[in-house]
Amino acid sequence: MTNWHSETIERFKTLGSDALLYIRQDAYHAAQAGETIDNPKVGQYWDEFHYAAQELRRRKVTAVSF
């Protein structure tokens, strides 16, 4: 059995920082929008946002934009 959370965290370790910055921003906007329409995937978008931010912090990448 696979675990989406663990797989996503591991996959994010293989992506470039630019891709992670894009994912973080995109997931943030998707989560914000999803909350206004009661989208059931909001939690997954927030998880992606946090996992991308976590990997960027680990790499000490500090670019911030939303």
PDB file of N, CA and C in Angstrom:
ATOM      1  N   MET A   1       0.844  -1.185   0.000  1.00  0.00           N
ATOM      2  CA  MET A   1       0.000   0.000   0.000  1.00  0.00           C
ATOM      3  C   MET A   1       0.889   1.247   0.000  1.00  0.00           C
ATOM      4  N   THR A   2       0.489   2.238  -0.749  1.00  0.00           N
ATOM      5  CA  THR A   2       1.274   3.460  -0.835  1.00  0.00           C
ATOM      6  C   THR A   2       0.651   4.548   0.025  1.00  0.00           C
ATOM      7  N   ASN A   3       1.476   5.497   0.406  1.00  0.00           N
ATOM      8  CA  ASN A   3       1.033   6.618   1.216  1.00  0.00           C
ATOM      9  C   ASN A   3       1.300   7.894   0.427  1.00  0.00           C
ATOM     10  N   TRP A   4       0.237   8.589   0.028  1.00  0.00           N
ATOM     11  CA  TRP A   4       0.375   9.790  -0.801  1.00  0.00           C
ATOM     12  C   TRP A   4       1.283  10.822  -0.133  1.00  0.00           C
ATOM     13  N   HIS A   5       1.157  10.982   1.171  1.00  0.00           N
ATOM     14  CA  HIS A   5       1.954  11.993   1.877  1.00  0.00           C
ATOM     15  C   HIS A   5       3.445  11.681   1.785  1.00  0.00           C
ATOM     16  N   SER A   6       3.817  10.458   2.114  1.00  0.00           N
ATOM     17  CA  SER A   6       5.230  10.064   2.053  1.00  0.00           C
ATOM     18  C   SER A   6       5.768  10.140   0.630  1.00  0.00           C
ATOM     19  N   GLU A   7       4.977   9.693  -0.331  1.00  0.00           N
ATOM     20  CA  GLU A   7       5.411   9.743  -1.734  1.00  0.00           C
ATOM     21  C   GLU A   7       5.606  11.180  -2.200  1.00  0.00           C
ATOM     22  N   THR A   8       4.711  12.068  -1.797  1.00  0.00           N
ATOM     23  CA  THR A   8       4.813  13.471  -2.201  1.00  0.00           C
ATOM     24  C   THR A   8       6.050  14.119  -1.595  1.00  0.00           C
ATOM     25  N   ILE A   9       6.298  13.872  -0.326  1.00  0.00           N
ATOM     26  CA  ILE A   9       7.484  14.422   0.340  1.00  0.00           C
ATOM     27  C   ILE A   9       8.750  13.940  -0.362  1.00  0.00           C
ATOM     28  N   GLU A  10       8.819  12.650  -0.674  1.00  0.00           N
ATOM     29  CA  GLU A  10       9.995  12.099  -1.361  1.00  0.00           C
ATOM     30  C   GLU A  10      10.124  12.654  -2.778  1.00  0.00           C
ATOM     31  N   ARG A  11       9.013  12.781  -3.488  1.00  0.00           N
ATOM     32  CA  ARG A  11       9.052  13.322  -4.858  1.00  0.00           C
ATOM     33  C   ARG A  11       9.516  14.773  -4.858  1.00  0.00           C
ATOM     34  N   PHE A  12       9.079  15.541  -3.875  1.00  0.00           N
ATOM     35  CA  PHE A  12       9.473  16.948  -3.813  1.00  0.00           C
ATOM     36  C   PHE A  12      10.979  17.084  -3.597  1.00  0.00           C
ATOM     37  N   LYS A  13      11.623  16.097  -2.980  1.00  0.00           N
ATOM     38  CA  LYS A  13      13.077  16.142  -2.795  1.00  0.00           C
ATOM     39  C   LYS A  13      13.814  16.052  -4.120  1.00  0.00           C
ATOM     40  N   THR A  14      13.155  15.522  -5.155  1.00  0.00           N
ATOM     41  CA  THR A  14      13.819  15.346  -6.452  1.00  0.00           C
ATOM     42  C   THR A  14      13.571  16.513  -7.404  1.00  0.00           C
ATOM     43  N   LEU A  15      12.685  17.418  -7.042  1.00  0.00           N
ATOM     44  CA  LEU A  15      12.336  18.529  -7.927  1.00  0.00           C
ATOM     45  C   LEU A  15      13.283  19.701  -7.722  1.00  0.00           C
ATOM     46  N   GLY A  16      13.402  20.511  -8.753  1.00  0.00           N
ATOM     47  CA  GLY A  16      14.195  21.721  -8.645  1.00  0.00           C
ATOM     48  C   GLY A  16      13.485  22.771  -7.792  1.00  0.00           C
ATOM     49  N   SER A  17      14.247  23.701  -7.296  1.00  0.00           N
ATOM     50  CA  SER A  17      13.685  24.744  -6.441  1.00  0.00           C
ATOM     51  C   SER A  17      12.646  25.592  -7.164  1.00  0.00           C
ATOM     52  N   ASP A  18      12.860  25.867  -8.446  1.00  0.00           N
ATOM     53  CA  ASP A  18      11.870  26.641  -9.205  1.00  0.00           C
ATOM     54  C   ASP A  18      10.540  25.908  -9.274  1.00  0.00           C
ATOM     55  N   ALA A  19      10.589  24.597  -9.476  1.00  0.00           N
ATOM     56  CA  ALA A  19       9.359  23.808  -9.510  1.00  0.00           C
ATOM     57  C   ALA A  19       8.669  23.839  -8.151  1.00  0.00           C
ATOM     58  N   LEU A  20       9.434  23.747  -7.086  1.00  0.00           N
ATOM     59  CA  LEU A  20       8.854  23.779  -5.742  1.00  0.00           C
ATOM     60  C   LEU A  20       8.235  25.142  -5.433  1.00  0.00           C
ATOM     61  N   LEU A  21       8.884  26.203  -5.880  1.00  0.00           N
ATOM     62  CA  LEU A  21       8.315  27.534  -5.685  1.00  0.00           C
ATOM     63  C   LEU A  21       6.985  27.654  -6.421  1.00  0.00           C
ATOM     64  N   TYR A  22       6.924  27.112  -7.629  1.00  0.00           N
ATOM     65  CA  TYR A  22       5.680  27.138  -8.398  1.00  0.00           C
ATOM     66  C   TYR A  22       4.600  26.307  -7.703  1.00  0.00           C
ATOM     67  N   ILE A  23       4.947  25.104  -7.282  1.00  0.00           N
ATOM     68  CA  ILE A  23       3.980  24.233  -6.601  1.00  0.00           C
ATOM     69  C   ILE A  23       3.462  24.896  -5.333  1.00  0.00           C
ATOM     70  N   ARG A  24       4.367  25.481  -4.564  1.00  0.00           N
ATOM     71  CA  ARG A  24       3.960  26.138  -3.319  1.00  0.00           C
ATOM     72  C   ARG A  24       2.957  27.250  -3.604  1.00  0.00           C
ATOM     73  N   GLN A  25       3.258  28.076  -4.591  1.00  0.00           N
ATOM     74  CA  GLN A  25       2.368  29.188  -4.923  1.00  0.00           C
ATOM     75  C   GLN A  25       1.035  28.678  -5.484  1.00  0.00           C
ATOM     76  N   ASP A  26       1.095  27.730  -6.389  1.00  0.00           N
ATOM     77  CA  ASP A  26      -0.111  27.197  -7.004  1.00  0.00           C
ATOM     78  C   ASP A  26      -1.003  26.506  -5.965  1.00  0.00           C
ATOM     79  N   ALA A  27      -0.405  25.707  -5.094  1.00  0.00           N
ATOM     80  CA  ALA A  27      -1.180  25.011  -4.063  1.00  0.00           C
ATOM     81  C   ALA A  27      -1.813  26.011  -3.097  1.00  0.00           C
ATOM     82  N   TYR A  28      -1.088  27.078  -2.779  1.00  0.00           N
ATOM     83  CA  TYR A  28      -1.625  28.113  -1.894  1.00  0.00           C
ATOM     84  C   TYR A  28      -2.876  28.744  -2.508  1.00  0.00           C
ATOM     85  N   HIS A  29      -2.770  29.126  -3.772  1.00  0.00           N
ATOM     86  CA  HIS A  29      -3.917  29.752  -4.437  1.00  0.00           C
ATOM     87  C   HIS A  29      -5.078  28.771  -4.597  1.00  0.00           C
ATOM     88  N   ALA A  30      -4.770  27.520  -4.906  1.00  0.00           N
ATOM     89  CA  ALA A  30      -5.825  26.511  -5.039  1.00  0.00           C
ATOM     90  C   ALA A  30      -6.530  26.287  -3.703  1.00  0.00           C
ATOM     91  N   ALA A  31      -5.770  26.239  -2.627  1.00  0.00           N
ATOM     92  CA  ALA A  31      -6.367  26.041  -1.301  1.00  0.00           C
ATOM     93  C   ALA A  31      -7.231  27.239  -0.912  1.00  0.00           C
ATOM     94  N   GLN A  32      -6.714  28.434  -1.159  1.00  0.00           N
ATOM     95  CA  GLN A  32      -7.491  29.646  -0.843  1.00  0.00           C
ATOM     96  C   GLN A  32      -8.805  29.651  -1.627  1.00  0.00           C
ATOM     97  N   ALA A  33      -8.735  29.378  -2.917  1.00  0.00           N
ATOM     98  CA  ALA A  33      -9.936  29.363  -3.749  1.00  0.00           C
ATOM     99  C   ALA A  33     -10.871  28.236  -3.330  1.00  0.00           C
ATOM    100  N   GLY A  34     -10.299  27.088  -3.039  1.00  0.00           N
ATOM    101  CA  GLY A  34     -11.109  25.935  -2.656  1.00  0.00           C
ATOM    102  C   GLY A  34     -11.899  26.149  -1.385  1.00  0.00           C
ATOM    103  N   GLU A  35     -11.337  26.917  -0.481  1.00  0.00           N
ATOM    104  CA  GLU A  35     -12.054  27.191   0.768  1.00  0.00           C
ATOM    105  C   GLU A  35     -13.303  28.029   0.531  1.00  0.00           C
ATOM    106  N   THR A  36     -13.303  28.829  -0.518  1.00  0.00           N
ATOM    107  CA  THR A  36     -14.470  29.680  -0.776  1.00  0.00           C
ATOM    108  C   THR A  36     -15.613  28.911  -1.416  1.00  0.00           C
ATOM    109  N   ILE A  37     -15.300  27.734  -1.992  1.00  0.00           N
ATOM    110  CA  ILE A  37     -16.353  26.951  -2.644  1.00  0.00           C
ATOM    111  C   ILE A  37     -16.525  25.580  -2.005  1.00  0.00           C
ATOM    112  N   ASP A  38     -15.922  25.389  -0.836  1.00  0.00           N
ATOM    113  CA  ASP A  38     -16.036  24.134  -0.097  1.00  0.00           C
ATOM    114  C   ASP A  38     -15.555  22.946  -0.927  1.00  0.00           C
ATOM    115  N   ASN A  39     -14.375  23.079  -1.532  1.00  0.00           N
ATOM    116  CA  ASN A  39     -13.769  22.019  -2.338  1.00  0.00           C
ATOM    117  C   ASN A  39     -13.217  20.933  -1.414  1.00  0.00           C
ATOM    118  N   PRO A  40     -13.560  19.668  -1.632  1.00  0.00           N
ATOM    119  CA  PRO A  40     -13.078  18.604  -0.751  1.00  0.00           C
ATOM    120  C   PRO A  40     -11.570  18.348  -0.838  1.00  0.00           C
ATOM    121  N   LYS A  41     -10.892  18.908  -1.851  1.00  0.00           N
ATOM    122  CA  LYS A  41      -9.450  18.713  -1.992  1.00  0.00           C
ATOM    123  C   LYS A  41      -8.628  19.796  -1.307  1.00  0.00           C
ATOM    124  N   VAL A  42      -9.267  20.685  -0.578  1.00  0.00           N
ATOM    125  CA  VAL A  42      -8.554  21.788   0.067  1.00  0.00           C
ATOM    126  C   VAL A  42      -7.427  21.267   0.961  1.00  0.00           C
ATOM    127  N   GLY A  43      -7.694  20.235   1.713  1.00  0.00           N
ATOM    128  CA  GLY A  43      -6.672  19.683   2.605  1.00  0.00           C
ATOM    129  C   GLY A  43      -5.452  19.193   1.849  1.00  0.00           C
ATOM    130  N   GLN A  44      -5.670  18.572   0.696  1.00  0.00           N
ATOM    131  CA  GLN A  44      -4.548  18.098  -0.110  1.00  0.00           C
ATOM    132  C   GLN A  44      -3.740  19.276  -0.650  1.00  0.00           C
ATOM    133  N   TYR A  45      -4.410  20.337  -1.068  1.00  0.00           N
ATOM    134  CA  TYR A  45      -3.684  21.519  -1.536  1.00  0.00           C
ATOM    135  C   TYR A  45      -2.842  22.121  -0.414  1.00  0.00           C
ATOM    136  N   TRP A  46      -3.402  22.201   0.795  1.00  0.00           N
ATOM    137  CA  TRP A  46      -2.629  22.725   1.923  1.00  0.00           C
ATOM    138  C   TRP A  46      -1.440  21.819   2.227  1.00  0.00           C
ATOM    139  N   ASP A  47      -1.628  20.501   2.136  1.00  0.00           N
ATOM    140  CA  ASP A  47      -0.514  19.578   2.356  1.00  0.00           C
ATOM    141  C   ASP A  47       0.586  19.823   1.334  1.00  0.00           C
ATOM    142  N   GLU A  48       0.226  19.959   0.054  1.00  0.00           N
ATOM    143  CA  GLU A  48       1.224  20.226  -0.980  1.00  0.00           C
ATOM    144  C   GLU A  48       1.955  21.543  -0.710  1.00  0.00           C
ATOM    145  N   PHE A  49       1.212  22.562  -0.310  1.00  0.00           N
ATOM    146  CA  PHE A  49       1.828  23.846   0.024  1.00  0.00           C
ATOM    147  C   PHE A  49       2.868  23.658   1.126  1.00  0.00           C
ATOM    148  N   HIS A  50       2.482  22.974   2.187  1.00  0.00           N
ATOM    149  CA  HIS A  50       3.388  22.793   3.326  1.00  0.00           C
ATOM    150  C   HIS A  50       4.579  21.892   2.991  1.00  0.00           C
ATOM    151  N   TYR A  51       4.362  20.846   2.211  1.00  0.00           N
ATOM    152  CA  TYR A  51       5.470  19.962   1.854  1.00  0.00           C
ATOM    153  C   TYR A  51       6.476  20.677   0.952  1.00  0.00           C
ATOM    154  N   ALA A  52       5.982  21.490   0.019  1.00  0.00           N
ATOM    155  CA  ALA A  52       6.893  22.266  -0.833  1.00  0.00           C
ATOM    156  C   ALA A  52       7.661  23.282   0.004  1.00  0.00           C
ATOM    157  N   ALA A  53       6.962  23.961   0.916  1.00  0.00           N
ATOM    158  CA  ALA A  53       7.620  24.945   1.782  1.00  0.00           C
ATOM    159  C   ALA A  53       8.658  24.266   2.675  1.00  0.00           C
ATOM    160  N   GLN A  54       8.335  23.095   3.165  1.00  0.00           N
ATOM    161  CA  GLN A  54       9.256  22.336   4.020  1.00  0.00           C
ATOM    162  C   GLN A  54      10.540  21.999   3.257  1.00  0.00           C
ATOM    163  N   GLU A  55      10.406  21.536   2.024  1.00  0.00           N
ATOM    164  CA  GLU A  55      11.584  21.193   1.233  1.00  0.00           C
ATOM    165  C   GLU A  55      12.384  22.437   0.883  1.00  0.00           C
ATOM    166  N   LEU A  56      11.730  23.546   0.590  1.00  0.00           N
ATOM    167  CA  LEU A  56      12.438  24.798   0.321  1.00  0.00           C
ATOM    168  C   LEU A  56      13.198  25.282   1.553  1.00  0.00           C
ATOM    169  N   ARG A  57      12.581  25.160   2.729  1.00  0.00           N
ATOM    170  CA  ARG A  57      13.274  25.526   3.973  1.00  0.00           C
ATOM    171  C   ARG A  57      14.503  24.643   4.175  1.00  0.00           C
ATOM    172  N   ARG A  58      14.353  23.335   3.898  1.00  0.00           N
ATOM    173  CA  ARG A  58      15.480  22.418   4.060  1.00  0.00           C
ATOM    174  C   ARG A  58      16.644  22.846   3.165  1.00  0.00           C
ATOM    175  N   ARG A  59      16.323  23.363   1.976  1.00  0.00           N
ATOM    176  CA  ARG A  59      17.345  23.823   1.030  1.00  0.00           C
ATOM    177  C   ARG A  59      17.792  25.259   1.306  1.00  0.00           C
ATOM    178  N   LYS A  60      17.141  25.891   2.250  1.00  0.00           N
ATOM    179  CA  LYS A  60      17.425  27.300   2.594  1.00  0.00           C
ATOM    180  C   LYS A  60      17.116  28.246   1.446  1.00  0.00           C
ATOM    181  N   VAL A  61      16.066  27.935   0.688  1.00  0.00           N
ATOM    182  CA  VAL A  61      15.570  28.819  -0.381  1.00  0.00           C
ATOM    183  C   VAL A  61      14.552  29.743   0.264  1.00  0.00           C
ATOM    184  N   THR A  62      14.773  31.050   0.143  1.00  0.00           N
ATOM    185  CA  THR A  62      13.946  32.009   0.884  1.00  0.00           C
ATOM    186  C   THR A  62      13.031  32.852   0.033  1.00  0.00           C
ATOM    187  N   ALA A  63      12.948  32.615  -1.253  1.00  0.00           N
ATOM    188  CA  ALA A  63      12.070  33.416  -2.114  1.00  0.00           C
ATOM    189  C   ALA A  63      10.619  33.266  -1.645  1.00  0.00           C
ATOM    190  N   VAL A  64       9.957  34.402  -1.472  1.00  0.00           N
ATOM    191  CA  VAL A  64       8.583  34.383  -0.998  1.00  0.00           C
ATOM    192  C   VAL A  64       7.713  35.124  -2.003  1.00  0.00           C
ATOM    193  N   SER A  65       6.663  34.455  -2.440  1.00  0.00           N
ATOM    194  CA  SER A  65       5.653  35.129  -3.264  1.00  0.00           C
ATOM    195  C   SER A  65       4.389  34.289  -3.243  1.00  0.00           C
ATOM    196  N   PHE A  66       3.285  34.916  -3.155  1.00  0.00           N
ATOM    197  CA  PHE A  66       1.991  34.232  -3.191  1.00  0.00           C
ATOM    198  C   PHE A  66       1.137  35.069  -4.078  1.00  0.00           C
TER     199      PHE A  66
END
